[in-house]
Amino acid sequence: MEENNITVSIQNPDGSITPLEAPVDMGLSLMEFLKASEYDILATCGGMALCATCCVDVLEGEEKLNEMSDDEYAMLDTLPDLLPNSRLACQLKLNPAMDGLVVKLHGT
């Protein structure tokens, strides 16, 4: 793996895990990376934490993530099926500490 990349794994609806190599030197959010990797993530508001359509459930590595902002918490709080490990992918900037993160798209 290149020095500027981390591994982010996605749990698919069938339960299988797909590891992906994600760049950490481009300033991408997890949402932008998932969209670029052709995952079916709406991201209706374009990453402004205004819609919650990029919600993911963090299966492994939650302790590696930045603290949730008030805006992110307020938006997640509008979801009827919110889980304790739910986060907005648009608010998670890819960084080296996130290596090994495992997520699944919320509701899949």
N, C-alpha and C. Protein backbone atom coordinates (compact mmCIF):
# COMPACT_ATOMS: atom_id res chain seq x y z
N MET A 1 0.84 -1.19 0.00
CA MET A 1 0.00 0.00 0.00
C MET A 1 0.89 1.25 0.00
N GLU A 2 0.47 2.24 -0.75
CA GLU A 2 1.23 3.48 -0.81
C GLU A 2 1.14 4.22 0.52
N GLU A 3 2.16 5.03 0.78
CA GLU A 3 2.25 5.76 2.04
C GLU A 3 1.08 6.71 2.26
N ASN A 4 0.53 7.27 1.19
CA ASN A 4 -0.55 8.25 1.31
C ASN A 4 -1.93 7.61 1.22
N ASN A 5 -2.02 6.30 1.38
CA ASN A 5 -3.30 5.60 1.31
C ASN A 5 -3.57 4.83 2.59
N ILE A 6 -4.85 4.65 2.86
CA ILE A 6 -5.29 3.82 3.98
C ILE A 6 -6.27 2.79 3.43
N THR A 7 -6.57 1.79 4.23
CA THR A 7 -7.59 0.82 3.84
C THR A 7 -8.87 1.14 4.58
N VAL A 8 -9.93 1.33 3.82
CA VAL A 8 -11.28 1.51 4.36
C VAL A 8 -12.10 0.36 3.78
N SER A 9 -12.76 -0.39 4.64
CA SER A 9 -13.54 -1.53 4.18
C SER A 9 -15.03 -1.23 4.29
N ILE A 10 -15.77 -1.73 3.30
CA ILE A 10 -17.22 -1.52 3.24
C ILE A 10 -17.91 -2.87 3.38
N GLN A 11 -18.85 -2.93 4.31
CA GLN A 11 -19.66 -4.15 4.41
C GLN A 11 -20.81 -4.03 3.43
N ASN A 12 -20.90 -5.00 2.54
CA ASN A 12 -21.95 -5.02 1.52
C ASN A 12 -23.24 -5.56 2.11
N PRO A 13 -24.38 -5.34 1.43
CA PRO A 13 -25.66 -5.83 1.95
C PRO A 13 -25.69 -7.34 2.22
N ASP A 14 -24.88 -8.12 1.49
CA ASP A 14 -24.85 -9.56 1.71
C ASP A 14 -23.93 -9.96 2.86
N GLY A 15 -23.32 -8.97 3.53
CA GLY A 15 -22.46 -9.25 4.66
C GLY A 15 -20.99 -9.37 4.31
N SER A 16 -20.66 -9.46 3.02
CA SER A 16 -19.26 -9.55 2.62
C SER A 16 -18.59 -8.20 2.81
N ILE A 17 -17.26 -8.23 2.93
CA ILE A 17 -16.48 -7.02 3.16
C ILE A 17 -15.62 -6.73 1.94
N THR A 18 -15.65 -5.49 1.46
CA THR A 18 -14.82 -5.06 0.34
C THR A 18 -13.80 -4.05 0.84
N PRO A 19 -12.50 -4.43 0.88
CA PRO A 19 -11.47 -3.46 1.28
C PRO A 19 -11.14 -2.54 0.10
N LEU A 20 -11.02 -1.26 0.39
CA LEU A 20 -10.70 -0.27 -0.63
C LEU A 20 -9.49 0.54 -0.18
N GLU A 21 -8.66 0.92 -1.14
CA GLU A 21 -7.51 1.78 -0.84
C GLU A 21 -7.94 3.22 -1.03
N ALA A 22 -7.84 4.01 0.04
CA ALA A 22 -8.33 5.38 0.02
C ALA A 22 -7.16 6.36 0.20
N PRO A 23 -7.10 7.40 -0.64
CA PRO A 23 -6.03 8.40 -0.49
C PRO A 23 -6.31 9.34 0.68
N VAL A 24 -5.28 9.67 1.44
CA VAL A 24 -5.46 10.61 2.55
C VAL A 24 -4.83 11.97 2.26
N ASP A 25 -4.25 12.12 1.07
CA ASP A 25 -3.56 13.36 0.75
C ASP A 25 -4.34 14.25 -0.21
N MET A 26 -5.62 13.96 -0.40
CA MET A 26 -6.43 14.75 -1.34
C MET A 26 -7.52 15.56 -0.64
N GLY A 27 -7.63 15.45 0.67
CA GLY A 27 -8.64 16.20 1.41
C GLY A 27 -10.06 15.68 1.21
N LEU A 28 -10.19 14.42 0.82
CA LEU A 28 -11.52 13.85 0.57
C LEU A 28 -12.23 13.48 1.87
N SER A 29 -13.54 13.59 1.84
CA SER A 29 -14.33 13.04 2.94
C SER A 29 -14.65 11.59 2.59
N LEU A 30 -15.09 10.84 3.57
CA LEU A 30 -15.50 9.46 3.33
C LEU A 30 -16.63 9.42 2.31
N MET A 31 -17.55 10.38 2.36
CA MET A 31 -18.66 10.45 1.40
C MET A 31 -18.13 10.61 -0.02
N GLU A 32 -17.20 11.53 -0.23
CA GLU A 32 -16.65 11.76 -1.56
C GLU A 32 -15.94 10.50 -2.07
N PHE A 33 -15.21 9.83 -1.17
CA PHE A 33 -14.52 8.61 -1.55
C PHE A 33 -15.51 7.51 -1.92
N LEU A 34 -16.58 7.36 -1.15
CA LEU A 34 -17.58 6.33 -1.44
C LEU A 34 -18.28 6.60 -2.77
N LYS A 35 -18.61 7.86 -3.04
CA LYS A 35 -19.22 8.21 -4.32
C LYS A 35 -18.27 7.92 -5.47
N ALA A 36 -17.00 8.27 -5.30
CA ALA A 36 -16.00 8.03 -6.35
C ALA A 36 -15.78 6.53 -6.56
N SER A 37 -16.04 5.75 -5.53
CA SER A 37 -15.89 4.29 -5.61
C SER A 37 -17.19 3.63 -6.09
N GLU A 38 -18.14 4.46 -6.55
CA GLU A 38 -19.40 4.03 -7.15
C GLU A 38 -20.34 3.32 -6.19
N TYR A 39 -20.29 3.73 -4.91
CA TYR A 39 -21.28 3.23 -3.96
C TYR A 39 -22.53 4.10 -4.08
N ASP A 40 -23.67 3.49 -3.83
CA ASP A 40 -24.96 4.16 -3.98
C ASP A 40 -25.25 5.02 -2.75
N ILE A 41 -24.61 6.18 -2.71
CA ILE A 41 -24.77 7.09 -1.59
C ILE A 41 -25.28 8.42 -2.16
N LEU A 42 -26.40 8.89 -1.66
CA LEU A 42 -27.06 10.05 -2.25
C LEU A 42 -26.29 11.35 -2.06
N ALA A 43 -25.98 11.67 -0.81
CA ALA A 43 -25.28 12.92 -0.51
C ALA A 43 -25.98 14.11 -1.17
N THR A 44 -27.26 14.20 -0.96
CA THR A 44 -28.11 15.21 -1.59
C THR A 44 -27.61 16.63 -1.37
N CYS A 45 -27.12 16.93 -0.16
CA CYS A 45 -26.72 18.31 0.14
C CYS A 45 -25.28 18.60 -0.26
N GLY A 46 -24.58 17.62 -0.80
CA GLY A 46 -23.21 17.84 -1.26
C GLY A 46 -22.18 17.92 -0.16
N GLY A 47 -22.48 17.40 1.00
CA GLY A 47 -21.48 17.35 2.07
C GLY A 47 -21.56 18.46 3.09
N MET A 48 -22.73 19.08 3.22
CA MET A 48 -22.89 20.20 4.14
C MET A 48 -23.52 19.81 5.48
N ALA A 49 -23.72 18.50 5.72
CA ALA A 49 -24.36 18.00 6.95
C ALA A 49 -25.79 18.52 7.08
N LEU A 50 -26.50 18.58 5.94
CA LEU A 50 -27.86 19.11 5.95
C LEU A 50 -28.93 18.09 5.57
N CYS A 51 -28.53 16.85 5.23
CA CYS A 51 -29.55 15.93 4.73
C CYS A 51 -29.49 14.51 5.30
N ALA A 52 -28.37 14.07 5.79
CA ALA A 52 -28.18 12.72 6.37
C ALA A 52 -28.31 11.59 5.35
N THR A 53 -28.24 11.90 4.04
CA THR A 53 -28.34 10.84 3.03
C THR A 53 -27.00 10.14 2.79
N CYS A 54 -25.96 10.55 3.51
CA CYS A 54 -24.66 9.87 3.40
C CYS A 54 -24.33 9.13 4.68
N CYS A 55 -25.34 8.83 5.47
CA CYS A 55 -25.14 8.18 6.76
C CYS A 55 -24.52 6.79 6.58
N VAL A 56 -23.52 6.51 7.41
CA VAL A 56 -22.90 5.19 7.44
C VAL A 56 -22.93 4.70 8.89
N ASP A 57 -22.87 3.38 9.05
CA ASP A 57 -22.73 2.79 10.37
C ASP A 57 -21.30 2.29 10.49
N VAL A 58 -20.61 2.75 11.52
CA VAL A 58 -19.20 2.40 11.73
C VAL A 58 -19.16 1.06 12.47
N LEU A 59 -18.63 0.03 11.80
CA LEU A 59 -18.57 -1.30 12.38
C LEU A 59 -17.27 -1.55 13.13
N GLU A 60 -16.18 -0.96 12.65
CA GLU A 60 -14.88 -1.05 13.32
C GLU A 60 -14.13 0.25 13.14
N GLY A 61 -13.49 0.71 14.21
CA GLY A 61 -12.65 1.90 14.13
C GLY A 61 -13.32 3.18 14.56
N GLU A 62 -14.44 3.09 15.24
CA GLU A 62 -15.15 4.31 15.66
C GLU A 62 -14.27 5.21 16.51
N GLU A 63 -13.39 4.59 17.30
CA GLU A 63 -12.50 5.36 18.18
C GLU A 63 -11.45 6.15 17.38
N LYS A 64 -11.30 5.84 16.10
CA LYS A 64 -10.32 6.53 15.25
C LYS A 64 -10.88 7.81 14.63
N LEU A 65 -12.17 8.05 14.81
CA LEU A 65 -12.83 9.17 14.13
C LEU A 65 -12.80 10.44 14.97
N ASN A 66 -12.88 11.57 14.28
CA ASN A 66 -12.96 12.85 14.97
C ASN A 66 -14.28 12.92 15.75
N GLU A 67 -14.30 13.77 16.75
CA GLU A 67 -15.50 13.93 17.56
C GLU A 67 -16.63 14.52 16.70
N MET A 68 -17.84 14.08 16.98
CA MET A 68 -19.00 14.53 16.21
C MET A 68 -19.32 16.00 16.53
N SER A 69 -19.55 16.79 15.49
CA SER A 69 -19.92 18.19 15.68
C SER A 69 -21.39 18.29 16.08
N ASP A 70 -21.78 19.43 16.60
CA ASP A 70 -23.18 19.66 16.96
C ASP A 70 -24.07 19.56 15.73
N ASP A 71 -23.60 20.09 14.59
CA ASP A 71 -24.38 20.04 13.35
C ASP A 71 -24.61 18.59 12.91
N GLU A 72 -23.55 17.78 12.97
CA GLU A 72 -23.69 16.37 12.58
C GLU A 72 -24.65 15.66 13.51
N TYR A 73 -24.50 15.88 14.81
CA TYR A 73 -25.38 15.23 15.78
C TYR A 73 -26.84 15.64 15.54
N ALA A 74 -27.08 16.91 15.31
CA ALA A 74 -28.44 17.40 15.09
C ALA A 74 -29.06 16.75 13.85
N MET A 75 -28.27 16.59 12.78
CA MET A 75 -28.80 15.98 11.56
C MET A 75 -29.05 14.49 11.78
N LEU A 76 -28.13 13.80 12.41
CA LEU A 76 -28.32 12.37 12.67
C LEU A 76 -29.54 12.14 13.56
N ASP A 77 -29.78 13.07 14.47
CA ASP A 77 -30.90 12.93 15.41
C ASP A 77 -32.25 12.96 14.71
N THR A 78 -32.28 13.36 13.44
CA THR A 78 -33.55 13.38 12.69
C THR A 78 -33.87 12.01 12.08
N LEU A 79 -32.91 11.09 12.09
CA LEU A 79 -33.13 9.77 11.49
C LEU A 79 -33.95 8.88 12.44
N PRO A 80 -34.99 8.24 11.92
CA PRO A 80 -35.81 7.38 12.77
C PRO A 80 -35.09 6.09 13.18
N ASP A 81 -34.11 5.66 12.41
CA ASP A 81 -33.41 4.40 12.67
C ASP A 81 -31.95 4.63 13.04
N LEU A 82 -31.68 5.73 13.74
CA LEU A 82 -30.32 6.08 14.15
C LEU A 82 -29.73 5.00 15.05
N LEU A 83 -28.47 4.65 14.80
CA LEU A 83 -27.75 3.70 15.64
C LEU A 83 -26.67 4.46 16.41
N PRO A 84 -26.21 3.92 17.53
CA PRO A 84 -25.16 4.61 18.30
C PRO A 84 -23.87 4.81 17.50
N ASN A 85 -23.64 3.98 16.48
CA ASN A 85 -22.42 4.07 15.69
C ASN A 85 -22.64 4.73 14.34
N SER A 86 -23.76 5.42 14.15
CA SER A 86 -24.05 6.10 12.89
C SER A 86 -23.28 7.42 12.81
N ARG A 87 -22.75 7.71 11.62
CA ARG A 87 -22.05 8.97 11.37
C ARG A 87 -22.39 9.44 9.96
N LEU A 88 -22.22 10.74 9.72
CA LEU A 88 -22.36 11.29 8.38
C LEU A 88 -21.02 11.17 7.68
N ALA A 89 -20.99 10.45 6.57
CA ALA A 89 -19.73 10.25 5.84
C ALA A 89 -19.14 11.56 5.35
N CYS A 90 -19.98 12.56 5.11
CA CYS A 90 -19.47 13.85 4.62
C CYS A 90 -18.66 14.59 5.69
N GLN A 91 -18.85 14.23 6.93
CA GLN A 91 -18.16 14.91 8.03
C GLN A 91 -16.89 14.19 8.47
N LEU A 92 -16.54 13.10 7.78
CA LEU A 92 -15.37 12.31 8.14
C LEU A 92 -14.29 12.48 7.07
N LYS A 93 -13.36 13.39 7.31
CA LYS A 93 -12.24 13.61 6.37
C LYS A 93 -11.27 12.45 6.51
N LEU A 94 -10.91 11.86 5.38
CA LEU A 94 -9.98 10.74 5.40
C LEU A 94 -8.63 11.19 5.94
N ASN A 95 -8.08 10.42 6.88
CA ASN A 95 -6.76 10.73 7.44
C ASN A 95 -6.09 9.43 7.86
N PRO A 96 -4.77 9.45 8.07
CA PRO A 96 -4.02 8.23 8.36
C PRO A 96 -4.55 7.46 9.57
N ALA A 97 -5.10 8.14 10.56
CA ALA A 97 -5.61 7.47 11.76
C ALA A 97 -6.80 6.56 11.45
N MET A 98 -7.46 6.78 10.31
CA MET A 98 -8.65 6.00 9.96
C MET A 98 -8.31 4.68 9.27
N ASP A 99 -7.04 4.33 9.15
CA ASP A 99 -6.66 3.08 8.51
C ASP A 99 -7.33 1.91 9.23
N GLY A 100 -7.97 1.04 8.47
CA GLY A 100 -8.66 -0.13 9.03
C GLY A 100 -10.13 0.10 9.34
N LEU A 101 -10.64 1.29 9.04
CA LEU A 101 -12.04 1.61 9.28
C LEU A 101 -12.94 0.65 8.50
N VAL A 102 -14.02 0.19 9.14
CA VAL A 102 -15.02 -0.66 8.46
C VAL A 102 -16.38 -0.02 8.66
N VAL A 103 -17.07 0.27 7.55
CA VAL A 103 -18.39 0.89 7.59
C VAL A 103 -19.36 0.15 6.69
N LYS A 104 -20.63 0.40 6.91
CA LYS A 104 -21.64 -0.03 5.95
C LYS A 104 -22.58 1.13 5.73
N LEU A 105 -23.16 1.21 4.54
CA LEU A 105 -24.12 2.27 4.26
C LEU A 105 -25.32 2.06 5.16
N HIS A 106 -25.78 3.12 5.81
CA HIS A 106 -26.89 3.04 6.75
C HIS A 106 -28.14 2.52 6.04
N GLY A 107 -28.79 1.58 6.66
CA GLY A 107 -30.04 1.05 6.12
C GLY A 107 -29.86 -0.08 5.11
N THR A 108 -28.62 -0.52 4.88
CA THR A 108 -28.42 -1.64 3.94
C THR A 108 -28.13 -2.93 4.68
